[in-house]
Amino acid sequence: MELHRLKKQLKQELKQQETRKKRFNLKRWIFAVAGIVMLLVVCFPFYRKQQLTAPQRLFAEAVELESLRNTTAAEKKYREVYQNYPQSQEAAESLFRIGNIWRFDHQDMQKALLNYLKLEHDYPHNPLVLPAREEAARIVKYTQRDYSRAIEFYQRLLDFNAGNPDQYYYEIADCYFYLENYSQARIELESLLEKYPQSDLAPDALYRKARILILEGLTEEARRDWLDIIERYPGSKHRTQAEFDLAKILEEEGSLQEALQHYQQLVGKLEPALLEEKIKHLEQRIEEKREAI
């Protein structure tokens, strides 16, 4: 019995030792894996950087500098990419980013414009040509206020057959308006409405077209456009103004009672003082007309 108990005890001790050994080996394996993972985490960026080509490394450094708002140093790095590696994939984007730095950070629109144009000239088939053209057009129109030249820029965007052509038509029309070429501005707006009737700019284009028609003395055509805005775009920001303009036309034509009704329907939608004055003036005219009869 004593021998049997001793054997049993030895077996249990051996099992316990085996269990402790397995646990120790498991912990050692876990620590080893954790160490390897940590090593990979620490070393991967360095490894990845080593795998980059020279222009890729320069470009990555420039992007990092730009993210830290060190735009002067970033612009220098981007310039190195473009000048030293003009055939690299990063060269075109470097020019685009240089243009953005000059435009948005240094506020030097002329230098920004030159870089956008250089991108288009050197890399005509690059996808960044479209946004570069758009930025160039905005600079020429909104900063330099060179409307004749801006028309050329937006026309070239239309020729690109991409982007937002409805917006380009609208910008061209706006340029012609500033140049006081009202008939051509109207034609550009009509082109927008004909080609892109579902555009978000359609209500704006229709309203501006109506205002131009008034300038051209084409009152009846303007009336149709205002009615079109009221019926087709009831939620448009221009609806209330279109109703007001329609009432003004009726007043000028002598349709006083109808004009009065339109003004009264606008109460609560427009400036109270303006409507009160209009309504009071019309009521007075209607009363004077009745007394004259």
Protein backbone atom coordinates (compact mmCIF):
# COMPACT_ATOMS: atom_id res chain seq x y z
CA MET A 1 0.00 0.00 0.00
CA GLU A 2 2.81 2.35 0.91
CA LEU A 3 4.50 1.66 -2.43
CA HIS A 4 1.24 2.23 -4.31
CA ARG A 5 0.67 5.57 -2.56
CA LEU A 6 4.22 6.66 -3.36
CA LYS A 7 3.81 5.86 -7.05
CA LYS A 8 0.57 7.79 -7.14
CA GLN A 9 2.19 10.78 -5.49
CA LEU A 10 5.09 10.72 -7.94
CA LYS A 11 2.68 10.63 -10.88
CA GLN A 12 0.81 13.66 -9.53
CA GLU A 13 4.05 15.59 -9.05
CA LEU A 14 5.15 14.74 -12.58
CA LYS A 15 1.79 15.97 -13.93
CA GLN A 16 2.10 19.21 -11.96
CA GLN A 17 5.61 19.75 -13.23
CA GLU A 18 4.43 19.13 -16.79
CA THR A 19 1.57 21.61 -16.35
CA ARG A 20 3.90 24.26 -14.92
CA LYS A 21 6.32 23.69 -17.80
CA LYS A 22 3.53 24.11 -20.37
CA ARG A 23 2.35 27.30 -18.69
CA PHE A 24 5.87 28.66 -18.63
CA ASN A 25 6.37 27.81 -22.31
CA LEU A 26 3.03 29.46 -23.17
CA LYS A 27 3.99 32.66 -21.35
CA ARG A 28 7.38 32.65 -23.02
CA TRP A 29 5.70 32.22 -26.42
CA ILE A 30 3.26 35.06 -25.73
CA PHE A 31 6.07 37.40 -24.68
CA ALA A 32 8.07 36.41 -27.75
CA VAL A 33 5.14 37.15 -30.09
CA ALA A 34 4.45 40.45 -28.32
CA GLY A 35 8.11 41.40 -28.72
CA ILE A 36 8.05 40.58 -32.42
CA VAL A 37 4.85 42.63 -32.94
CA MET A 38 6.33 45.60 -31.07
CA LEU A 39 9.51 45.32 -33.13
CA LEU A 40 7.47 45.34 -36.33
CA VAL A 41 5.49 48.37 -35.18
CA VAL A 42 8.66 50.27 -34.40
CA CYS A 43 10.61 49.20 -37.45
CA PHE A 44 7.85 49.19 -40.12
CA PRO A 45 7.84 52.96 -40.77
CA PHE A 46 11.61 52.89 -41.18
CA TYR A 47 11.39 49.84 -43.44
CA ARG A 48 8.61 51.42 -45.47
CA LYS A 49 10.59 54.63 -45.84
CA GLN A 50 13.54 52.62 -47.11
CA GLN A 51 11.29 51.00 -49.71
CA LEU A 52 10.17 54.40 -51.11
CA THR A 53 11.85 55.83 -54.18
CA ALA A 54 13.75 59.10 -53.88
CA PRO A 55 10.88 61.30 -55.19
CA GLN A 56 8.41 59.43 -52.96
CA ARG A 57 10.58 60.10 -49.90
CA LEU A 58 10.92 63.78 -50.77
CA PHE A 59 7.19 64.06 -51.40
CA ALA A 60 6.34 62.32 -48.11
CA GLU A 61 8.65 64.70 -46.25
CA ALA A 62 6.99 67.68 -47.95
CA VAL A 63 3.51 66.45 -47.03
CA GLU A 64 4.58 66.03 -43.42
CA LEU A 65 6.04 69.54 -43.32
CA GLU A 66 2.87 70.95 -44.84
CA SER A 67 0.74 69.16 -42.24
CA LEU A 68 2.88 70.86 -39.57
CA ARG A 69 2.13 74.25 -41.23
CA ASN A 70 5.78 74.68 -42.24
CA THR A 71 4.69 75.64 -45.72
CA THR A 72 7.92 77.39 -46.73
CA ALA A 73 9.97 74.24 -46.14
CA ALA A 74 7.23 72.10 -47.68
CA GLU A 75 7.17 74.25 -50.83
CA LYS A 76 10.95 73.83 -51.14
CA LYS A 77 10.66 70.03 -50.91
CA TYR A 78 7.83 69.95 -53.47
CA ARG A 79 9.96 72.10 -55.76
CA GLU A 80 12.83 69.59 -55.44
CA VAL A 81 10.49 66.78 -56.49
CA TYR A 82 9.35 68.68 -59.58
CA GLN A 83 12.81 69.91 -60.61
CA ASN A 84 14.83 66.78 -59.86
CA TYR A 85 12.26 64.11 -60.76
CA PRO A 86 9.97 65.66 -63.39
CA GLN A 87 8.98 62.25 -64.77
CA SER A 88 7.86 60.88 -61.40
CA GLN A 89 4.21 60.43 -60.49
CA GLU A 90 4.69 62.88 -57.61
CA ALA A 91 5.87 65.77 -59.83
CA ALA A 92 2.43 66.91 -61.01
CA GLU A 93 0.92 66.76 -57.53
CA SER A 94 3.90 68.65 -56.19
CA LEU A 95 3.15 71.50 -58.59
CA PHE A 96 -0.52 71.45 -57.59
CA ARG A 97 0.37 71.60 -53.91
CA ILE A 98 2.84 74.42 -54.55
CA GLY A 99 0.02 76.34 -56.24
CA ASN A 100 -2.23 75.75 -53.25
CA ILE A 101 0.46 76.91 -50.83
CA TRP A 102 0.94 80.16 -52.74
CA ARG A 103 -2.79 80.69 -52.99
CA PHE A 104 -4.12 79.75 -49.57
CA ASP A 105 -1.09 80.20 -47.30
CA HIS A 106 0.99 82.98 -48.86
CA GLN A 107 -1.96 84.71 -50.57
CA ASP A 108 0.15 85.29 -53.69
CA MET A 109 -2.36 84.68 -56.47
CA GLN A 110 0.00 85.39 -59.35
CA LYS A 111 2.51 82.75 -58.23
CA ALA A 112 -0.31 80.33 -57.53
CA LEU A 113 -1.66 80.91 -61.04
CA LEU A 114 1.75 80.33 -62.61
CA ASN A 115 2.11 76.97 -60.89
CA TYR A 116 -1.39 75.83 -61.89
CA LEU A 117 -0.66 76.78 -65.49
CA LYS A 118 2.75 75.09 -65.37
CA LEU A 119 1.05 71.87 -64.23
CA GLU A 120 -1.33 72.01 -67.19
CA HIS A 121 1.49 72.75 -69.61
CA ASP A 122 3.91 70.08 -68.37
CA TYR A 123 1.40 67.33 -67.55
CA PRO A 124 -1.59 67.87 -69.89
CA HIS A 125 -3.00 64.36 -69.35
CA ASN A 126 -2.74 64.30 -65.56
CA PRO A 127 -6.06 64.13 -63.63
CA LEU A 128 -4.97 67.16 -61.60
CA VAL A 129 -5.22 69.38 -64.69
CA LEU A 130 -8.98 69.78 -64.10
CA PRO A 131 -8.76 71.11 -60.50
CA ALA A 132 -5.74 73.21 -61.53
CA ARG A 133 -7.79 74.80 -64.31
CA GLU A 134 -10.65 75.45 -61.90
CA GLU A 135 -8.37 77.15 -59.38
CA ALA A 136 -6.76 79.22 -62.15
CA ALA A 137 -10.18 80.33 -63.43
CA ARG A 138 -11.28 81.39 -59.93
CA ILE A 139 -8.11 83.44 -59.45
CA VAL A 140 -8.54 85.23 -62.78
CA LYS A 141 -12.22 85.97 -62.15
CA TYR A 142 -12.53 86.62 -58.43
CA THR A 143 -9.08 88.00 -57.56
CA GLN A 144 -7.81 89.62 -60.72
CA ARG A 145 -11.34 90.49 -61.92
CA ASP A 146 -10.19 90.02 -65.50
CA TYR A 147 -13.58 88.90 -66.79
CA SER A 148 -12.63 88.63 -70.46
CA ARG A 149 -9.72 86.34 -69.62
CA ALA A 150 -11.83 84.41 -67.12
CA ILE A 151 -14.30 83.58 -69.90
CA GLU A 152 -11.43 81.92 -71.79
CA PHE A 153 -10.46 79.89 -68.72
CA TYR A 154 -14.00 78.66 -68.11
CA GLN A 155 -14.47 77.92 -71.81
CA ARG A 156 -11.37 75.71 -71.67
CA LEU A 157 -12.95 73.92 -68.73
CA LEU A 158 -16.03 73.27 -70.85
CA ASP A 159 -13.79 71.89 -73.58
CA PHE A 160 -12.40 69.45 -70.99
CA ASN A 161 -15.78 67.62 -70.96
CA ALA A 162 -15.50 66.86 -67.26
CA GLY A 163 -16.04 68.54 -63.91
CA ASN A 164 -19.10 70.77 -63.42
CA PRO A 165 -20.08 72.19 -66.81
CA ASP A 166 -23.29 73.76 -65.46
CA GLN A 167 -21.15 75.78 -63.04
CA TYR A 168 -18.81 76.80 -65.85
CA TYR A 169 -21.72 78.09 -67.96
CA TYR A 170 -22.97 80.05 -64.96
CA GLU A 171 -19.54 81.59 -64.36
CA ILE A 172 -19.22 82.56 -68.04
CA ALA A 173 -22.67 84.20 -67.93
CA ASP A 174 -21.64 86.08 -64.80
CA CYS A 175 -18.49 87.34 -66.51
CA TYR A 176 -20.47 88.61 -69.50
CA PHE A 177 -22.87 90.33 -67.09
CA TYR A 178 -19.99 92.19 -65.43
CA LEU A 179 -18.78 93.16 -68.89
CA GLU A 180 -22.33 94.52 -69.50
CA ASN A 181 -22.78 92.17 -72.44
CA TYR A 182 -26.27 91.26 -71.26
CA SER A 183 -27.46 89.46 -74.36
CA GLN A 184 -24.48 87.07 -74.31
CA ALA A 185 -24.93 86.55 -70.57
CA ARG A 186 -28.53 85.55 -71.24
CA ILE A 187 -27.44 83.17 -74.01
CA GLU A 188 -25.01 81.41 -71.65
CA LEU A 189 -27.75 81.04 -69.03
CA GLU A 190 -30.10 79.64 -71.66
CA SER A 191 -27.41 77.11 -72.63
CA LEU A 192 -27.12 76.04 -69.00
CA LEU A 193 -30.91 75.63 -68.67
CA GLU A 194 -31.19 73.75 -71.95
CA LYS A 195 -28.31 71.34 -71.37
CA TYR A 196 -28.63 70.85 -67.61
CA PRO A 197 -32.31 71.38 -66.65
CA GLN A 198 -31.88 69.31 -63.47
CA SER A 199 -28.90 71.34 -62.25
CA ASP A 200 -29.04 72.85 -58.78
CA LEU A 201 -28.15 76.12 -60.50
CA ALA A 202 -31.29 76.07 -62.69
CA PRO A 203 -33.44 78.29 -60.37
CA ASP A 204 -30.60 80.82 -60.06
CA ALA A 205 -29.99 80.79 -63.80
CA LEU A 206 -33.69 81.28 -64.56
CA TYR A 207 -33.99 84.16 -62.12
CA ARG A 208 -30.91 85.92 -63.46
CA LYS A 209 -32.14 85.40 -67.00
CA ALA A 210 -35.42 87.12 -66.09
CA ARG A 211 -33.57 90.09 -64.59
CA ILE A 212 -31.47 90.40 -67.75
CA LEU A 213 -34.62 90.29 -69.88
CA ILE A 214 -35.92 93.29 -67.94
CA LEU A 215 -32.67 95.13 -68.68
CA GLU A 216 -33.20 94.30 -72.37
CA GLY A 217 -36.78 95.59 -72.21
CA LEU A 218 -38.29 92.13 -72.78
CA THR A 219 -40.90 92.32 -70.03
CA GLU A 220 -43.22 89.59 -71.28
CA GLU A 221 -40.39 87.05 -71.51
CA ALA A 222 -39.28 88.00 -67.99
CA ARG A 223 -42.84 87.51 -66.74
CA ARG A 224 -42.87 83.96 -68.14
CA ASP A 225 -39.59 83.16 -66.42
CA TRP A 226 -40.81 84.45 -63.05
CA LEU A 227 -43.99 82.41 -63.36
CA ASP A 228 -41.83 79.42 -64.26
CA ILE A 229 -39.78 79.90 -61.07
CA ILE A 230 -42.94 80.12 -58.95
CA GLU A 231 -44.43 76.95 -60.47
CA ARG A 232 -41.35 74.76 -60.97
CA TYR A 233 -39.23 75.79 -58.00
CA PRO A 234 -41.60 76.53 -55.09
CA GLY A 235 -38.82 75.92 -52.55
CA SER A 236 -36.31 78.18 -54.29
CA LYS A 237 -34.84 81.17 -52.50
CA HIS A 238 -35.84 83.20 -55.57
CA ARG A 239 -39.55 82.41 -55.46
CA THR A 240 -40.52 85.26 -53.13
CA GLN A 241 -38.46 87.78 -55.09
CA ALA A 242 -39.97 86.48 -58.34
CA GLU A 243 -43.46 87.06 -56.92
CA PHE A 244 -42.45 90.58 -55.88
CA ASP A 245 -40.98 91.35 -59.31
CA LEU A 246 -44.13 90.01 -60.95
CA ALA A 247 -46.24 92.33 -58.80
CA LYS A 248 -44.04 95.28 -59.80
CA ILE A 249 -44.60 94.52 -63.48
CA LEU A 250 -48.37 94.39 -62.94
CA GLU A 251 -48.18 97.71 -61.11
CA GLU A 252 -46.16 99.33 -63.90
CA GLU A 253 -48.63 98.01 -66.48
CA GLY A 254 -51.53 99.56 -64.57
CA SER A 255 -53.05 96.32 -63.30
CA LEU A 256 -53.30 97.88 -59.84
CA GLN A 257 -55.83 95.55 -58.24
CA GLU A 258 -53.98 92.44 -59.35
CA ALA A 259 -50.65 93.91 -58.24
CA LEU A 260 -52.18 94.76 -54.84
CA GLN A 261 -53.30 91.15 -54.39
CA HIS A 262 -49.77 89.91 -55.16
CA TYR A 263 -48.22 92.32 -52.66
CA GLN A 264 -50.73 91.32 -49.98
CA GLN A 265 -49.86 87.64 -50.51
CA LEU A 266 -46.22 88.48 -49.77
CA VAL A 267 -46.93 89.83 -46.27
CA GLY A 268 -44.71 87.96 -43.84
CA LYS A 269 -42.30 86.91 -46.59
CA LEU A 270 -40.54 90.19 -47.36
CA GLU A 271 -39.42 93.23 -45.42
CA PRO A 272 -42.59 94.61 -43.73
CA ALA A 273 -41.74 98.29 -44.24
CA LEU A 274 -41.25 97.82 -48.00
CA LEU A 275 -44.52 95.90 -48.44
CA GLU A 276 -46.50 98.28 -46.26
CA GLU A 277 -45.29 101.20 -48.37
CA LYS A 278 -46.13 99.38 -51.61
CA ILE A 279 -49.58 98.33 -50.40
CA LYS A 280 -50.42 101.77 -49.03
CA HIS A 281 -49.26 103.45 -52.23
CA LEU A 282 -51.30 101.06 -54.40
CA GLU A 283 -54.45 101.43 -52.29
CA GLN A 284 -54.13 105.18 -52.62
CA ARG A 285 -53.74 104.96 -56.41
CA ILE A 286 -56.73 102.62 -56.68
CA GLU A 287 -58.83 105.01 -54.59
CA GLU A 288 -57.76 107.99 -56.71
CA LYS A 289 -58.63 106.05 -59.84
CA ARG A 290 -62.11 105.27 -58.50
CA GLU A 291 -62.74 108.92 -57.58
CA ALA A 292 -61.63 110.01 -61.04
CA ILE A 293 -64.24 107.72 -62.57
